N, C-alpha and C. Protein backbone atom coordinates (compact mmCIF):
# COMPACT_ATOMS: atom_id res chain seq x y z
N UNK A 1 -72.35 54.69 35.04
CA UNK A 1 -73.13 55.77 34.48
C UNK A 1 -74.00 56.39 35.56
N UNK A 2 -74.06 57.68 35.56
CA UNK A 2 -74.89 58.45 36.48
C UNK A 2 -76.36 58.20 36.11
N UNK A 3 -77.20 58.04 37.10
CA UNK A 3 -78.61 57.74 36.84
C UNK A 3 -79.34 58.84 36.08
N UNK A 4 -78.78 60.05 36.05
CA UNK A 4 -79.42 61.15 35.34
C UNK A 4 -78.93 61.27 33.89
N UNK A 5 -77.97 60.45 33.49
CA UNK A 5 -77.43 60.53 32.15
C UNK A 5 -78.15 59.56 31.22
N UNK A 6 -78.29 59.95 29.98
CA UNK A 6 -78.91 59.08 29.00
C UNK A 6 -77.89 58.09 28.47
N UNK A 7 -78.37 56.98 27.93
CA UNK A 7 -77.48 56.01 27.31
C UNK A 7 -76.76 56.61 26.12
N UNK A 8 -77.48 57.46 25.35
CA UNK A 8 -76.87 58.10 24.18
C UNK A 8 -75.73 59.00 24.61
N UNK A 9 -75.95 59.83 25.62
CA UNK A 9 -74.91 60.72 26.12
C UNK A 9 -73.71 59.91 26.62
N UNK A 10 -73.96 58.85 27.35
CA UNK A 10 -72.88 58.01 27.85
C UNK A 10 -72.09 57.40 26.70
N UNK A 11 -72.79 56.92 25.70
CA UNK A 11 -72.12 56.33 24.52
C UNK A 11 -71.28 57.37 23.81
N UNK A 12 -71.85 58.54 23.55
CA UNK A 12 -71.10 59.60 22.88
C UNK A 12 -69.88 60.01 23.69
N UNK A 13 -70.06 60.20 24.98
CA UNK A 13 -68.93 60.61 25.84
C UNK A 13 -67.80 59.58 25.82
N UNK A 14 -68.14 58.31 25.91
CA UNK A 14 -67.13 57.24 25.88
C UNK A 14 -66.40 57.22 24.56
N UNK A 15 -67.11 57.39 23.47
CA UNK A 15 -66.49 57.36 22.15
C UNK A 15 -65.63 58.61 21.91
N UNK A 16 -66.07 59.77 22.39
CA UNK A 16 -65.25 60.98 22.25
C UNK A 16 -63.97 60.82 23.04
N UNK A 17 -64.09 60.27 24.24
CA UNK A 17 -62.91 60.08 25.11
C UNK A 17 -61.90 59.13 24.50
N UNK A 18 -62.35 58.26 23.61
CA UNK A 18 -61.44 57.29 22.98
C UNK A 18 -61.01 57.72 21.59
N UNK A 19 -61.43 58.88 21.12
CA UNK A 19 -61.15 59.34 19.76
C UNK A 19 -60.17 60.49 19.75
N UNK A 20 -58.95 60.28 19.25
CA UNK A 20 -57.93 61.34 19.28
C UNK A 20 -58.36 62.64 18.56
N UNK A 21 -59.07 62.53 17.46
CA UNK A 21 -59.49 63.71 16.70
C UNK A 21 -60.45 64.59 17.51
N UNK A 22 -61.44 63.97 18.13
CA UNK A 22 -62.39 64.74 18.94
C UNK A 22 -61.77 65.21 20.25
N UNK A 23 -60.87 64.43 20.82
CA UNK A 23 -60.16 64.88 22.04
C UNK A 23 -59.32 66.12 21.76
N UNK A 24 -58.67 66.12 20.60
CA UNK A 24 -57.86 67.29 20.22
C UNK A 24 -58.76 68.51 20.03
N UNK A 25 -59.91 68.34 19.42
CA UNK A 25 -60.85 69.44 19.25
C UNK A 25 -61.33 69.95 20.60
N UNK A 26 -61.72 69.04 21.49
CA UNK A 26 -62.22 69.42 22.81
C UNK A 26 -61.15 70.10 23.66
N UNK A 27 -59.90 69.83 23.37
CA UNK A 27 -58.79 70.35 24.20
C UNK A 27 -58.61 71.87 24.08
N UNK A 28 -59.27 72.52 23.10
CA UNK A 28 -59.13 73.97 22.98
C UNK A 28 -60.00 74.70 24.02
N UNK A 29 -60.87 73.99 24.69
CA UNK A 29 -61.73 74.61 25.71
C UNK A 29 -60.87 75.03 26.90
N UNK A 30 -61.37 76.01 27.66
CA UNK A 30 -60.68 76.42 28.87
C UNK A 30 -60.50 75.23 29.78
N UNK A 31 -59.38 75.20 30.44
CA UNK A 31 -59.02 74.04 31.28
C UNK A 31 -59.97 73.82 32.46
N UNK A 32 -60.68 74.87 32.88
CA UNK A 32 -61.60 74.73 34.01
C UNK A 32 -63.01 74.30 33.56
N UNK A 33 -63.16 73.97 32.30
CA UNK A 33 -64.46 73.57 31.77
C UNK A 33 -64.52 72.07 31.50
N UNK A 34 -65.71 71.48 31.58
CA UNK A 34 -65.87 70.05 31.29
C UNK A 34 -65.86 69.85 29.76
N UNK A 35 -64.71 69.43 29.25
CA UNK A 35 -64.50 69.38 27.80
C UNK A 35 -65.57 68.60 27.04
N UNK A 36 -65.94 67.43 27.53
CA UNK A 36 -66.90 66.61 26.80
C UNK A 36 -68.27 67.27 26.75
N UNK A 37 -68.73 67.80 27.85
CA UNK A 37 -70.03 68.49 27.88
C UNK A 37 -69.99 69.71 26.98
N UNK A 38 -68.92 70.45 27.02
CA UNK A 38 -68.79 71.64 26.21
C UNK A 38 -68.75 71.28 24.72
N UNK A 39 -68.04 70.23 24.36
CA UNK A 39 -68.01 69.80 22.96
C UNK A 39 -69.41 69.40 22.50
N UNK A 40 -70.09 68.61 23.29
CA UNK A 40 -71.44 68.18 22.89
C UNK A 40 -72.38 69.38 22.76
N UNK A 41 -72.26 70.35 23.64
CA UNK A 41 -73.07 71.55 23.54
C UNK A 41 -72.68 72.43 22.38
N UNK A 42 -71.44 72.38 21.95
CA UNK A 42 -70.94 73.23 20.88
C UNK A 42 -71.36 72.80 19.49
N UNK A 43 -71.80 71.57 19.34
CA UNK A 43 -72.20 71.12 17.99
C UNK A 43 -73.58 71.65 17.60
N UNK A 44 -74.40 72.04 18.57
CA UNK A 44 -75.75 72.47 18.26
C UNK A 44 -75.86 73.82 17.55
N UNK A 45 -75.25 74.89 18.04
CA UNK A 45 -75.43 76.18 17.38
C UNK A 45 -75.02 76.22 15.90
N UNK A 46 -73.86 75.67 15.51
CA UNK A 46 -73.51 75.76 14.08
C UNK A 46 -74.51 75.05 13.17
N UNK A 47 -75.01 73.90 13.57
CA UNK A 47 -75.94 73.21 12.67
C UNK A 47 -77.35 73.78 12.76
N UNK A 48 -77.74 74.27 13.92
CA UNK A 48 -79.08 74.83 14.08
C UNK A 48 -79.24 76.16 13.34
N UNK A 49 -78.14 76.88 13.12
CA UNK A 49 -78.22 78.19 12.49
C UNK A 49 -78.33 78.12 10.97
N UNK A 50 -78.21 76.95 10.41
CA UNK A 50 -78.30 76.79 8.95
C UNK A 50 -79.64 76.16 8.57
N UNK A 51 -80.34 76.83 7.69
CA UNK A 51 -81.69 76.39 7.32
C UNK A 51 -81.67 75.01 6.71
N UNK A 52 -80.70 74.71 5.86
CA UNK A 52 -80.67 73.43 5.16
C UNK A 52 -79.66 72.48 5.74
N UNK A 53 -79.25 72.72 6.95
CA UNK A 53 -78.27 71.84 7.58
C UNK A 53 -78.86 70.46 7.85
N UNK A 54 -78.05 69.43 7.69
CA UNK A 54 -78.58 68.10 8.02
C UNK A 54 -78.86 68.01 9.51
N UNK A 55 -79.92 67.36 9.87
CA UNK A 55 -80.29 67.21 11.27
C UNK A 55 -80.34 65.72 11.60
N UNK A 56 -79.18 65.08 11.61
CA UNK A 56 -79.16 63.63 11.78
C UNK A 56 -79.66 63.15 13.13
N UNK A 57 -79.56 63.99 14.15
CA UNK A 57 -79.96 63.55 15.49
C UNK A 57 -81.49 63.47 15.64
N UNK A 58 -82.21 63.96 14.64
CA UNK A 58 -83.68 63.90 14.73
C UNK A 58 -84.26 62.75 13.90
N UNK A 59 -83.41 61.96 13.25
CA UNK A 59 -83.89 60.86 12.46
C UNK A 59 -84.56 59.80 13.33
N UNK A 60 -85.53 59.13 12.76
CA UNK A 60 -86.15 58.01 13.47
C UNK A 60 -85.16 56.84 13.47
N UNK A 61 -85.28 56.00 14.46
CA UNK A 61 -84.41 54.82 14.57
C UNK A 61 -82.93 55.18 14.63
N UNK A 62 -82.61 56.26 15.25
CA UNK A 62 -81.22 56.71 15.33
C UNK A 62 -80.54 55.94 16.45
N UNK A 63 -79.44 55.26 16.13
CA UNK A 63 -78.73 54.45 17.12
C UNK A 63 -77.53 55.22 17.68
N UNK A 64 -77.00 54.70 18.78
CA UNK A 64 -75.83 55.33 19.39
C UNK A 64 -74.64 55.29 18.44
N UNK A 65 -74.50 54.22 17.67
CA UNK A 65 -73.39 54.12 16.72
C UNK A 65 -73.53 55.17 15.63
N UNK A 66 -74.75 55.36 15.12
CA UNK A 66 -74.98 56.41 14.11
C UNK A 66 -74.74 57.79 14.70
N UNK A 67 -75.08 57.96 15.97
CA UNK A 67 -74.91 59.26 16.62
C UNK A 67 -73.44 59.64 16.64
N UNK A 68 -72.56 58.71 17.00
CA UNK A 68 -71.14 59.05 17.08
C UNK A 68 -70.59 59.35 15.68
N UNK A 69 -70.96 58.57 14.68
CA UNK A 69 -70.52 58.82 13.31
C UNK A 69 -70.97 60.20 12.84
N UNK A 70 -72.21 60.56 13.15
CA UNK A 70 -72.72 61.89 12.78
C UNK A 70 -72.00 62.99 13.54
N UNK A 71 -71.72 62.76 14.82
CA UNK A 71 -70.99 63.75 15.62
C UNK A 71 -69.62 64.02 15.01
N UNK A 72 -68.93 62.97 14.61
CA UNK A 72 -67.61 63.14 13.98
C UNK A 72 -67.72 63.96 12.70
N UNK A 73 -68.72 63.65 11.88
CA UNK A 73 -68.92 64.40 10.63
C UNK A 73 -69.20 65.86 10.91
N UNK A 74 -70.09 66.11 11.87
CA UNK A 74 -70.46 67.49 12.23
C UNK A 74 -69.22 68.24 12.72
N UNK A 75 -68.40 67.60 13.54
CA UNK A 75 -67.20 68.24 14.09
C UNK A 75 -66.21 68.56 12.97
N UNK A 76 -66.15 67.73 11.94
CA UNK A 76 -65.25 68.01 10.82
C UNK A 76 -65.77 69.18 10.00
N UNK A 77 -67.05 69.17 9.67
CA UNK A 77 -67.64 70.21 8.84
C UNK A 77 -67.62 71.58 9.51
N UNK A 78 -67.94 71.61 10.81
CA UNK A 78 -68.07 72.87 11.55
C UNK A 78 -66.93 73.08 12.54
N UNK A 79 -65.78 72.54 12.24
CA UNK A 79 -64.64 72.59 13.17
C UNK A 79 -64.31 74.00 13.63
N UNK A 80 -64.22 74.94 12.69
CA UNK A 80 -63.86 76.31 13.04
C UNK A 80 -64.89 76.92 14.00
N UNK A 81 -66.17 76.79 13.67
CA UNK A 81 -67.23 77.36 14.51
C UNK A 81 -67.22 76.71 15.89
N UNK A 82 -67.02 75.41 15.92
CA UNK A 82 -67.00 74.69 17.20
C UNK A 82 -65.80 75.14 18.04
N UNK A 83 -64.64 75.33 17.42
CA UNK A 83 -63.46 75.79 18.16
C UNK A 83 -63.73 77.15 18.78
N UNK A 84 -64.37 78.07 18.05
CA UNK A 84 -64.68 79.38 18.61
C UNK A 84 -65.58 79.25 19.84
N UNK A 85 -66.59 78.40 19.74
CA UNK A 85 -67.47 78.20 20.89
C UNK A 85 -66.72 77.58 22.07
N UNK A 86 -65.90 76.60 21.80
CA UNK A 86 -65.14 75.96 22.86
C UNK A 86 -64.21 76.92 23.59
N UNK A 87 -63.64 77.85 22.85
CA UNK A 87 -62.71 78.81 23.44
C UNK A 87 -63.43 79.91 24.21
N UNK A 88 -64.66 80.24 23.80
CA UNK A 88 -65.33 81.41 24.35
C UNK A 88 -66.53 81.15 25.24
N UNK A 89 -67.02 79.96 25.30
CA UNK A 89 -68.22 79.66 26.09
C UNK A 89 -67.84 78.93 27.37
N UNK A 90 -68.76 79.02 28.32
CA UNK A 90 -68.58 78.33 29.59
C UNK A 90 -69.89 77.61 29.91
N UNK A 91 -69.81 76.57 30.69
CA UNK A 91 -71.02 75.90 31.12
C UNK A 91 -71.15 76.00 32.64
N UNK A 92 -72.36 76.06 33.09
CA UNK A 92 -72.63 76.03 34.53
C UNK A 92 -73.00 74.60 34.89
N UNK A 93 -72.36 74.08 35.89
CA UNK A 93 -72.67 72.72 36.32
C UNK A 93 -73.73 72.80 37.41
N UNK A 94 -74.87 72.17 37.16
CA UNK A 94 -75.93 72.17 38.14
C UNK A 94 -76.13 70.79 38.76
N UNK A 95 -75.44 69.81 38.23
CA UNK A 95 -75.45 68.46 38.76
C UNK A 95 -74.14 67.82 38.31
N UNK A 96 -73.62 66.93 39.08
CA UNK A 96 -72.35 66.29 38.72
C UNK A 96 -72.45 65.73 37.32
N UNK A 97 -71.50 66.09 36.47
CA UNK A 97 -71.38 65.65 35.09
C UNK A 97 -72.52 66.06 34.17
N UNK A 98 -73.26 67.10 34.52
CA UNK A 98 -74.33 67.57 33.61
C UNK A 98 -74.24 69.08 33.55
N UNK A 99 -74.38 69.64 32.35
CA UNK A 99 -74.30 71.10 32.22
C UNK A 99 -75.68 71.71 32.26
N UNK A 100 -75.75 72.91 32.74
CA UNK A 100 -77.03 73.57 32.91
C UNK A 100 -77.29 74.69 31.95
N UNK A 101 -76.26 75.25 31.35
CA UNK A 101 -76.50 76.35 30.43
C UNK A 101 -75.21 77.01 29.96
N UNK A 102 -75.33 77.81 28.92
CA UNK A 102 -74.21 78.52 28.34
C UNK A 102 -74.00 79.85 29.00
N UNK A 103 -72.77 80.25 29.15
CA UNK A 103 -72.42 81.56 29.64
C UNK A 103 -71.29 82.09 28.82
N UNK A 104 -71.28 83.39 28.57
CA UNK A 104 -70.18 83.99 27.81
C UNK A 104 -69.21 84.65 28.74
């Protein structure tokens, strides 16, 4: 693990990499983009734009295992919106394996 990465990010990345459903979703991103970072960044806009959307990542005592289960649920519910973001957004890499921002 890179010293700048969080344990939660590392756990989510490892689980996404081992999960065929999320790998298939991430595969719609442009080939020159970091799929895992882009997928993780793509889950935020769809849920943040809904007033009554569940915000599981802000719960107290949230564990890495709960985080991955919530990520899978979010990806299923917002699959279409996430696919659009994956196809149309780009990330700028400002450090190895870390994204710095969205670009269209």
